[in-house]
Amino acid sequence: MDQVPHIAVVDDHREIRDLVGQYLRTQGYRVSLAEGGTALRRILETGAPDLVVLDIMMPGEDGLTLCRAIQARPGADIPIIFLTARGEETDRVIGLELGADDYLVKPFSSRELLARIKAVLRRAHALPPRSGARRTGALRFDRWVFDLSRRELQGDDGVGLPLSNAEYRLLKVFTEHPGIVLSRDQLLDMTVGREAEPFDRSIDNQISRLRRKVERDPRNPILIQTHRGGGYSFIPEVHAV
C-alpha cells in the first residue's frame, strides 16, 4: 500500500459522496469519488484503490453487482465496506458472504466510517495474501468439488452436501489460502470480522464440524492440519473447475 491510502467512495447520492470524500481528505486519505459502476471502473483502470466504500442501493448496477465485479478482477484483493439503508439485512448478509469486509448502516457519522476504514485496512494488512483472486465458481480439492454458488460440497458420487454459513465461510477462507498456517485470530477476522469477541474459541468448533464433512477420518485429519500455537492450515491443492 502507498504511504497515503487511496479510498474509492461509490454512492449515487452526490451529497453523501462529496461529504464523505471531503472528510476523508481532511484525515489524510487520497480519495476518488464515483456515482456508479462506470465511474468506478475508470478508477480501477488507473490502479486498484486500497479500499472501496460501496453503497448497496444504487440505480443500474447495485453495490452487490459491483462487489462481484471487483472480486472477479484478476489479482483483485480490495477490501470493501458496504453502506446500507436500515431494513436491508438480507443485502448486508449477501454482501458479507460475497467477501465484503464490513458494513455501515445509513445514516452514519463520518467518525464511525473513519474508524471502520482504519480497522479494515489494519486487518487487511495483518492478514496473509490470498493465493489468487477471490473465486466465485467451483473449486476442486482432494475428492471434493466445492460449489461456491450452491454453497455445498459434491463428492465423487455427485451428491450435494450442504454447508452451514459458518462452514461455507471457513472453507472459502481455506481454499483462498491453501498451505498457509492461519491463526485462530486470523480465521476469526476473515470469517467473522468485527463481530468476533476477544478470546473467541468458536473457530475450533467450526473446524471440528468442517472436518467431519471433508475428512475421511475426522479423528486423524489430513486435509485440515492443526499447528502448535493455535494455527490451522489447509493442505490439499485447490483447482478451479
Protein backbone atom coordinates (compact mmCIF):
# COMPACT_ATOMS: atom_id res chain seq x y z
CA MET A 1 0.00 0.00 0.00
CA ASP A 2 1.15 3.55 -0.75
CA GLN A 3 2.09 5.76 2.17
CA VAL A 4 -1.20 7.64 1.63
CA PRO A 5 -4.07 5.10 1.38
CA HIS A 6 -6.35 5.51 -1.61
CA ILE A 7 -10.08 5.20 -0.85
CA ALA A 8 -12.75 4.96 -3.55
CA VAL A 9 -16.23 6.13 -2.48
CA VAL A 10 -19.11 4.88 -4.62
CA ASP A 11 -22.58 6.36 -3.97
CA ASP A 12 -25.21 7.69 -6.35
CA HIS A 13 -26.13 10.47 -3.89
CA ARG A 14 -23.77 13.34 -4.68
CA GLU A 15 -24.18 14.98 -1.28
CA ILE A 16 -23.17 11.83 0.58
CA ARG A 17 -20.13 11.02 -1.54
CA ASP A 18 -18.94 14.64 -1.53
CA LEU A 19 -19.24 14.92 2.26
CA VAL A 20 -17.50 11.57 2.80
CA GLY A 21 -14.78 12.44 0.30
CA GLN A 22 -14.15 15.84 1.85
CA TYR A 23 -13.94 14.38 5.36
CA LEU A 24 -11.57 11.57 4.36
CA ARG A 25 -9.29 14.04 2.59
CA THR A 26 -9.04 16.10 5.79
CA GLN A 27 -7.95 12.88 7.51
CA GLY A 28 -5.05 12.43 5.10
CA TYR A 29 -6.50 9.94 2.61
CA ARG A 30 -6.37 10.14 -1.16
CA VAL A 31 -9.97 9.87 -2.32
CA SER A 32 -11.67 9.08 -5.64
CA LEU A 33 -15.43 9.57 -6.00
CA ALA A 34 -17.77 7.58 -8.25
CA GLU A 35 -21.52 7.85 -8.78
CA GLY A 36 -21.80 4.30 -10.10
CA GLY A 37 -20.22 1.36 -11.87
CA THR A 38 -18.90 3.17 -14.94
CA ALA A 39 -17.02 5.75 -12.87
CA LEU A 40 -15.72 3.06 -10.51
CA ARG A 41 -14.30 1.07 -13.43
CA ARG A 42 -12.44 4.15 -14.62
CA ILE A 43 -10.88 4.42 -11.16
CA LEU A 44 -9.91 0.73 -11.17
CA GLU A 45 -8.27 1.10 -14.59
CA THR A 46 -5.85 3.67 -13.18
CA GLY A 47 -4.82 1.41 -10.29
CA ALA A 48 -6.52 -0.54 -7.52
CA PRO A 49 -7.55 1.56 -4.52
CA ASP A 50 -6.65 0.33 -1.04
CA LEU A 51 -10.33 0.17 -0.05
CA VAL A 52 -13.75 0.77 -1.60
CA VAL A 53 -16.67 2.31 0.29
CA LEU A 54 -19.64 1.00 -1.69
CA ASP A 55 -23.33 1.86 -1.45
CA ILE A 56 -25.66 -1.11 -1.98
CA MET A 57 -28.83 0.60 -3.23
CA MET A 58 -27.96 2.34 -6.49
CA PRO A 59 -29.79 2.51 -9.82
CA GLY A 60 -28.42 0.36 -12.62
CA GLU A 61 -25.63 -1.74 -11.19
CA ASP A 62 -26.19 -2.02 -7.46
CA GLY A 63 -23.48 -2.50 -4.86
CA LEU A 64 -23.79 -6.28 -4.79
CA THR A 65 -23.23 -6.46 -8.56
CA LEU A 66 -20.22 -4.13 -8.32
CA CYS A 67 -18.83 -6.17 -5.41
CA ARG A 68 -18.85 -9.26 -7.62
CA ALA A 69 -17.18 -7.31 -10.41
CA ILE A 70 -14.43 -6.05 -8.09
CA GLN A 71 -13.74 -9.51 -6.71
CA ALA A 72 -13.65 -11.03 -10.21
CA ARG A 73 -10.86 -8.74 -11.40
CA PRO A 74 -7.57 -10.65 -11.94
CA GLY A 75 -5.41 -10.33 -8.85
CA ALA A 76 -8.07 -8.29 -7.05
CA ASP A 77 -7.96 -8.28 -3.27
CA ILE A 78 -9.56 -4.95 -2.45
CA PRO A 79 -11.29 -4.53 0.93
CA ILE A 80 -14.89 -3.35 0.68
CA ILE A 81 -17.11 -1.56 3.20
CA PHE A 82 -20.79 -1.55 2.29
CA LEU A 83 -23.12 1.35 3.01
CA THR A 84 -26.66 0.09 3.57
CA ALA A 85 -30.05 1.55 4.49
CA ARG A 86 -31.95 0.30 7.51
CA GLY A 87 -34.04 -2.76 6.74
CA GLU A 88 -31.61 -4.18 4.16
CA GLU A 89 -30.44 -7.03 6.37
CA THR A 90 -30.62 -9.57 3.55
CA ASP A 91 -28.41 -7.42 1.33
CA ARG A 92 -25.92 -6.93 4.17
CA VAL A 93 -25.69 -10.68 4.72
CA ILE A 94 -25.27 -11.36 0.99
CA GLY A 95 -22.63 -8.66 0.77
CA LEU A 96 -20.58 -10.08 3.62
CA GLU A 97 -20.88 -13.56 2.17
CA LEU A 98 -19.66 -12.24 -1.19
CA GLY A 99 -16.47 -11.15 0.54
CA ALA A 100 -17.14 -7.60 1.74
CA ASP A 101 -15.15 -6.78 4.85
CA ASP A 102 -17.63 -4.65 6.79
CA TYR A 103 -20.83 -2.65 6.50
CA LEU A 104 -22.21 0.59 7.88
CA VAL A 105 -25.88 1.45 8.17
CA LYS A 106 -27.15 4.83 6.96
CA PRO A 107 -27.35 7.40 8.45
CA PHE A 108 -23.83 7.15 9.83
CA SER A 109 -21.28 9.53 11.31
CA SER A 110 -18.08 10.37 9.47
CA ARG A 111 -16.07 9.42 12.55
CA GLU A 112 -17.65 5.96 12.63
CA LEU A 113 -16.86 5.43 8.94
CA LEU A 114 -13.28 6.55 9.56
CA ALA A 115 -12.94 4.07 12.42
CA ARG A 116 -14.26 1.25 10.21
CA ILE A 117 -11.87 2.18 7.39
CA LYS A 118 -8.89 2.19 9.74
CA ALA A 119 -9.90 -1.17 11.23
CA VAL A 120 -10.43 -2.84 7.85
CA LEU A 121 -7.13 -1.52 6.44
CA ARG A 122 -5.26 -2.60 9.58
CA ARG A 123 -6.86 -6.06 9.43
CA ALA A 124 -6.26 -6.44 5.70
CA HIS A 125 -2.54 -5.77 6.02
CA ALA A 126 -2.17 -8.02 9.05
CA LEU A 127 -3.57 -11.00 7.14
CA PRO A 128 -1.66 -13.19 4.69
CA PRO A 129 -2.27 -12.53 0.99
CA ARG A 130 -4.61 -14.81 -0.94
CA SER A 131 -3.14 -17.26 -3.39
CA GLY A 132 -5.13 -15.50 -6.11
CA ALA A 133 -8.31 -13.57 -6.76
CA ARG A 134 -11.40 -14.44 -4.79
CA ARG A 135 -13.25 -17.06 -6.77
CA THR A 136 -16.98 -17.39 -7.30
CA GLY A 137 -17.33 -20.63 -9.31
CA ALA A 138 -16.45 -24.17 -8.26
CA LEU A 139 -13.18 -25.48 -6.82
CA ARG A 140 -11.79 -29.00 -6.61
CA PHE A 141 -9.68 -30.32 -3.75
CA ASP A 142 -8.99 -33.90 -2.72
CA ARG A 143 -12.15 -35.85 -3.63
CA TRP A 144 -14.47 -32.86 -3.33
CA VAL A 145 -15.90 -30.16 -5.58
CA PHE A 146 -16.69 -27.01 -3.59
CA ASP A 147 -19.58 -25.24 -5.35
CA LEU A 148 -19.47 -21.65 -4.12
CA SER A 149 -22.72 -20.62 -5.78
CA ARG A 150 -24.70 -23.52 -4.32
CA ARG A 151 -22.75 -23.41 -1.03
CA GLU A 152 -22.26 -27.14 -0.98
CA LEU A 153 -19.71 -29.91 -1.40
CA GLN A 154 -20.08 -32.56 -4.07
CA GLY A 155 -18.36 -35.90 -3.69
CA ASP A 156 -17.29 -38.32 -6.38
CA ASP A 157 -20.86 -39.65 -6.46
CA GLY A 158 -22.17 -36.17 -7.41
CA VAL A 159 -24.39 -35.95 -4.35
CA GLY A 160 -24.51 -32.47 -2.80
CA LEU A 161 -23.56 -31.99 0.84
CA PRO A 162 -24.90 -28.64 2.13
CA LEU A 163 -22.71 -26.36 4.22
CA SER A 164 -23.81 -24.05 7.01
CA ASN A 165 -22.95 -20.36 6.66
CA ALA A 166 -20.06 -20.76 9.11
CA GLU A 167 -18.72 -23.86 7.33
CA TYR A 168 -19.01 -22.14 3.95
CA ARG A 169 -17.09 -19.04 5.10
CA LEU A 170 -14.39 -21.13 6.75
CA LEU A 171 -13.89 -23.42 3.75
CA LYS A 172 -13.83 -20.38 1.43
CA VAL A 173 -11.03 -18.85 3.50
CA PHE A 174 -9.07 -22.12 3.48
CA THR A 175 -9.37 -22.54 -0.30
CA GLU A 176 -8.17 -18.95 -0.76
CA HIS A 177 -5.08 -19.64 1.42
CA PRO A 178 -4.01 -23.25 0.74
CA GLY A 179 -0.84 -24.31 2.51
CA ILE A 180 -0.70 -21.21 4.74
CA VAL A 181 -0.83 -21.51 8.52
CA LEU A 182 -3.63 -19.28 9.80
CA SER A 183 -4.03 -18.43 13.47
CA ARG A 184 -7.36 -18.51 15.28
CA ASP A 185 -7.42 -14.70 15.32
CA GLN A 186 -6.79 -14.53 11.57
CA LEU A 187 -9.53 -17.07 10.87
CA LEU A 188 -11.93 -15.13 13.08
CA ASP A 189 -11.07 -11.89 11.29
CA MET A 190 -11.67 -13.45 7.89
CA THR A 191 -14.85 -15.34 8.78
CA VAL A 192 -16.49 -13.21 11.46
CA GLY A 193 -14.76 -9.84 11.25
CA ARG A 194 -15.89 -7.12 13.59
CA GLU A 195 -18.43 -9.43 15.28
CA ALA A 196 -15.66 -11.58 16.76
CA GLU A 197 -15.32 -11.49 20.53
CA PRO A 198 -11.99 -11.47 22.41
CA PHE A 199 -10.83 -14.99 23.27
CA ASP A 200 -13.50 -16.42 20.97
CA ARG A 201 -12.89 -20.18 20.63
CA SER A 202 -15.83 -20.81 18.28
CA ILE A 203 -13.36 -21.30 15.42
CA ASP A 204 -12.26 -24.60 16.99
CA ASN A 205 -15.86 -25.85 16.94
CA GLN A 206 -16.23 -24.76 13.32
CA ILE A 207 -13.03 -26.60 12.39
CA SER A 208 -14.34 -29.76 14.06
CA ARG A 209 -17.65 -29.58 12.20
CA LEU A 210 -15.95 -28.94 8.87
CA ARG A 211 -13.55 -31.83 9.43
CA ARG A 212 -16.50 -34.17 9.98
CA LYS A 213 -17.65 -33.32 6.45
CA VAL A 214 -14.41 -33.25 4.44
CA GLU A 215 -12.07 -35.68 6.19
CA ARG A 216 -12.13 -39.42 5.64
CA ASP A 217 -11.27 -39.86 9.33
CA PRO A 218 -12.03 -36.68 11.33
CA ARG A 219 -10.11 -38.05 14.33
CA ASN A 220 -6.97 -38.22 12.20
CA PRO A 221 -7.36 -35.22 9.89
CA ILE A 222 -5.23 -34.94 6.76
CA LEU A 223 -6.80 -32.02 4.88
CA ILE A 224 -7.02 -29.53 7.76
CA GLN A 225 -3.90 -29.67 9.90
CA THR A 226 -3.52 -28.31 13.44
CA HIS A 227 -0.32 -26.45 14.33
CA ARG A 228 1.16 -25.73 17.72
CA GLY A 229 0.33 -22.26 18.92
CA GLY A 230 -3.28 -22.34 17.74
CA GLY A 231 -2.99 -22.35 13.96
CA TYR A 232 -4.56 -24.37 11.17
CA SER A 233 -3.60 -24.98 7.56
CA PHE A 234 -5.41 -26.39 4.53
CA ILE A 235 -3.16 -28.97 2.91
CA PRO A 236 -4.70 -30.10 -0.43
CA GLU A 237 -4.10 -28.37 -3.74
CA VAL A 238 -7.04 -26.28 -4.93
CA HIS A 239 -8.01 -26.02 -8.60
CA ALA A 240 -10.79 -24.17 -10.40
CA VAL A 241 -13.29 -26.49 -12.05
